[in-house]
Protein backbone atom coordinates (compact mmCIF):
# COMPACT_ATOMS: atom_id res chain seq x y z
CA MET A 1 -71.83 122.06 64.97
CA ASN A 2 -70.28 125.29 63.61
CA ARG A 3 -68.55 125.89 66.90
CA ALA A 4 -66.81 122.48 66.73
CA LEU A 5 -65.50 123.34 63.26
CA TYR A 6 -63.85 126.46 64.67
CA LEU A 7 -62.32 124.60 67.62
CA LEU A 8 -60.78 121.82 65.51
CA PRO A 9 -58.04 124.04 63.96
CA LEU A 10 -57.34 125.59 67.38
CA GLY A 11 -56.96 122.13 68.93
CA THR A 12 -54.64 121.03 66.12
CA LEU A 13 -52.55 124.18 66.57
CA ALA A 14 -52.32 123.55 70.32
CA VAL A 15 -51.02 120.01 69.76
CA ILE A 16 -48.42 121.29 67.26
CA LEU A 17 -47.30 123.99 69.70
CA ILE A 18 -46.90 121.46 72.52
CA PHE A 19 -44.62 119.29 70.39
CA ALA A 20 -42.68 122.34 69.17
CA VAL A 21 -42.07 123.61 72.71
CA ARG A 22 -40.97 120.13 73.86
CA GLY A 23 -38.54 120.02 70.92
CA LEU A 24 -36.93 123.28 72.03
CA GLY A 25 -35.66 121.53 75.16
CA ILE A 26 -33.67 118.92 73.22
CA ASP A 27 -29.90 119.19 73.65
CA THR A 28 -28.63 118.79 70.08
CA SER A 29 -25.01 118.48 71.23
CA VAL A 30 -25.82 115.06 72.68
CA GLN A 31 -26.61 112.57 69.96
CA PRO A 32 -26.58 108.83 70.38
CA SER A 33 -23.80 106.96 68.67
CA ALA A 34 -23.56 103.26 67.99
CA LEU A 35 -19.83 103.57 68.70
CA ILE A 36 -20.11 104.55 72.36
CA SER A 37 -18.19 101.86 74.31
CA SER A 38 -16.61 100.59 71.08
CA PRO A 39 -12.97 100.86 70.03
CA VAL A 40 -11.96 103.61 67.64
CA PRO A 41 -12.57 102.15 64.18
CA GLU A 42 -9.56 101.20 62.09
CA LEU A 43 -8.27 104.29 60.39
CA SER A 44 -5.10 105.32 58.66
CA LEU A 45 -5.18 108.89 57.44
CA ASP A 46 -2.38 110.70 55.66
CA PRO A 47 -1.22 113.76 57.55
CA VAL A 48 -2.19 117.24 56.47
CA PRO A 49 0.84 118.18 54.34
CA GLY A 50 3.56 119.71 56.47
CA PHE A 51 1.93 118.73 59.77
CA GLY A 52 3.48 115.57 61.11
CA GLU A 53 2.73 111.90 60.69
CA ALA A 54 -0.29 109.85 59.62
CA LEU A 55 -3.18 109.55 62.06
CA GLU A 56 -3.71 105.88 62.97
CA ALA A 57 -6.23 104.09 65.18
CA GLU A 58 -3.27 102.99 67.32
CA ASP A 59 -2.66 106.64 68.31
CA PHE A 60 -5.65 106.39 70.64
CA GLY A 61 -4.65 104.59 73.77
CA GLY A 62 -2.48 105.07 76.79
CA GLU A 63 -4.20 108.30 77.81
CA VAL A 64 -7.61 109.94 77.60
CA SER A 65 -7.83 112.04 74.44
CA LEU A 66 -10.14 113.90 72.08
CA LEU A 67 -10.69 113.43 68.36
CA ASN A 68 -12.00 116.61 66.73
CA VAL A 69 -13.61 116.50 63.27
CA TYR A 70 -13.38 119.82 61.42
CA GLY A 71 -13.05 121.41 57.99
CA SER A 72 -11.91 124.75 56.62
CA TRP A 73 -15.35 125.13 54.94
CA CYS A 74 -17.11 124.92 58.33
CA ALA A 75 -17.96 128.28 59.97
CA PRO A 76 -18.59 126.77 63.44
CA CYS A 77 -15.20 125.02 63.19
CA ARG A 78 -13.53 128.41 62.70
CA ALA A 79 -15.38 129.76 65.75
CA GLU A 80 -14.36 126.70 67.79
CA HIS A 81 -10.68 126.79 66.79
CA PRO A 82 -9.44 129.48 69.25
CA PHE A 83 -10.77 127.42 72.15
CA LEU A 84 -9.04 124.30 70.81
CA MET A 85 -5.79 126.30 70.69
CA GLU A 86 -6.28 127.32 74.35
CA LEU A 87 -7.12 123.76 75.36
CA ALA A 88 -4.05 122.37 73.60
CA ALA A 89 -1.82 125.01 75.23
CA SER A 90 -3.21 124.07 78.66
CA GLY A 91 -1.98 120.50 78.23
CA ASP A 92 -5.19 119.23 79.86
CA VAL A 93 -5.91 116.62 77.19
CA PRO A 94 -4.29 115.67 73.87
CA ILE A 95 -6.41 116.57 70.86
CA TYR A 96 -6.23 114.71 67.56
CA GLY A 97 -7.70 116.20 64.41
CA LEU A 98 -9.58 114.74 61.49
CA ASN A 99 -9.65 117.26 58.64
CA TRP A 100 -12.78 116.47 56.60
CA LYS A 101 -13.76 117.45 53.04
CA ASP A 102 -10.69 119.60 52.45
CA THR A 103 -8.03 119.49 49.80
CA PRO A 104 -4.53 118.96 51.18
CA GLU A 105 -3.77 122.61 50.37
CA ALA A 106 -6.85 123.93 52.19
CA GLY A 107 -6.11 121.73 55.22
CA ALA A 108 -2.53 122.97 55.40
CA ALA A 109 -3.53 126.62 54.93
CA TRP A 110 -6.06 126.33 57.78
CA LEU A 111 -3.42 125.09 60.24
CA ARG A 112 -0.80 127.58 59.03
CA ASP A 113 -3.20 130.52 59.37
CA LEU A 114 -5.04 129.57 62.58
CA GLY A 115 -2.49 127.39 64.39
CA ASN A 116 -2.31 123.67 65.07
CA PRO A 117 -3.86 122.42 68.33
CA TYR A 118 -3.53 118.77 67.31
CA ALA A 119 -1.05 116.14 68.50
CA LYS A 120 -1.63 114.54 65.08
CA VAL A 121 -3.98 115.55 62.30
CA GLY A 122 -5.18 113.32 59.48
CA LEU A 123 -6.72 114.33 56.17
CA GLU A 124 -9.96 112.51 55.33
CA THR A 125 -10.51 112.54 51.59
CA GLY A 126 -12.42 109.30 51.01
CA SER A 127 -15.06 109.61 53.76
CA THR A 128 -14.32 106.08 55.01
CA ALA A 129 -13.26 107.19 58.50
CA ILE A 130 -16.16 109.63 58.66
CA LEU A 131 -18.63 106.85 57.87
CA ASP A 132 -16.95 104.46 60.30
CA LEU A 133 -17.21 107.05 63.07
CA GLY A 134 -20.82 107.92 62.21
CA VAL A 135 -20.04 111.62 61.80
CA THR A 136 -23.08 113.65 60.77
CA GLY A 137 -21.43 117.05 60.43
CA ALA A 138 -18.65 119.24 61.63
CA PRO A 139 -17.54 120.04 64.19
CA GLU A 140 -17.87 116.86 66.20
CA THR A 141 -15.60 115.72 69.00
CA PHE A 142 -15.16 112.21 70.38
CA LEU A 143 -13.86 111.49 73.88
CA ILE A 144 -11.65 108.40 73.85
CA ASP A 145 -10.42 106.56 76.94
CA ARG A 146 -6.89 105.26 77.55
CA ASN A 147 -7.87 101.88 76.07
CA GLY A 148 -8.83 103.43 72.74
CA VAL A 149 -12.57 103.13 73.40
CA ILE A 150 -15.00 105.91 72.42
CA ARG A 151 -16.82 107.09 75.55
CA HIS A 152 -18.69 110.21 74.41
CA ARG A 153 -19.65 112.13 71.28
CA HIS A 154 -20.11 115.90 71.36
CA VAL A 155 -21.90 117.32 68.33
CA GLY A 156 -21.27 120.98 67.55
CA MET A 157 -18.72 123.46 68.77
CA LEU A 158 -16.68 122.89 71.88
CA THR A 159 -16.80 126.06 73.92
CA PRO A 160 -15.27 126.80 77.31
CA ARG A 161 -18.70 126.25 78.85
CA SER A 162 -19.49 122.97 77.05
CA TYR A 163 -16.01 121.70 77.82
CA GLU A 164 -16.24 122.53 81.54
CA GLU A 165 -19.79 121.24 81.95
CA ASP A 166 -19.75 118.21 79.65
CA ILE A 167 -16.26 117.06 78.65
CA ALA A 168 -13.95 117.90 81.58
CA PRO A 169 -15.98 115.93 84.17
CA ARG A 170 -15.99 112.91 81.85
CA ILE A 171 -12.22 113.20 81.38
CA ALA A 172 -11.73 113.33 85.15
CA ALA A 173 -13.95 110.29 85.66
CA LEU A 174 -12.10 108.31 82.98
CA ARG A 175 -8.75 109.19 84.53
CA GLU A 176 -9.92 107.91 87.92
CA LEU A 177 -10.76 104.48 86.53
CA ARG A 178 -8.14 101.79 86.83
CA PRO A 179 -6.72 100.74 83.46
CA ASP A 180 -8.39 97.67 82.01
CA PRO A 181 -6.00 94.73 82.41
CA ASP A 182 -7.12 93.35 79.02
CA PRO A 183 -8.12 96.41 77.00
CA VAL A 184 -9.62 96.21 73.56
CA MET A 185 -7.29 98.04 71.24
CA PRO A 186 -8.49 100.03 68.23
CA GLY A 187 -9.74 97.70 65.55
CA GLY A 188 -11.30 95.31 68.08
CA ALA A 189 -8.26 93.14 68.81
CA PRO A 190 -7.46 92.36 72.46
CA GLY A 191 -4.65 94.48 73.77
CA PRO A 192 -1.53 93.38 75.53
CA GLY A 193 -2.45 91.90 78.86
């Protein structure tokens, strides 16, 4: 009887360790999103002051693109930014930015100090677009096809490795697909056919 009492905590610990080790193998950069295969939600974001025009849902379409969610308060976003600058300079894929939880001044200072990799960059102050996209934190990057449909969500920093292994092959595959003759445009309305 006494021996069983000693083995019970060891058995419990073994079960906990098994679940912990299994959890270590989870890729946290891949999180499900209800928006995969859905059009980019309606959005209309004022530009970061001094950096172009408003970011609209209609900007996504015509070519495969990325939407990067970032903020000046986010340390991983700062670490990711040099790679985004390289990617933008390569011309491989247009990148759009959604500046989250920043004041207009902080958003502008970030782009002035670190450079602007974005074709357009919108300032999210009301969290509506963030909620509509299902963003859980920054940085997050969405891969959007030429019909304005979200095809992939990458949670965490984009790095050269994650881009080459995860994003670039998806971009290539999307570019090989024939354009949809009746695409769904952002906002859910049928596109021009």
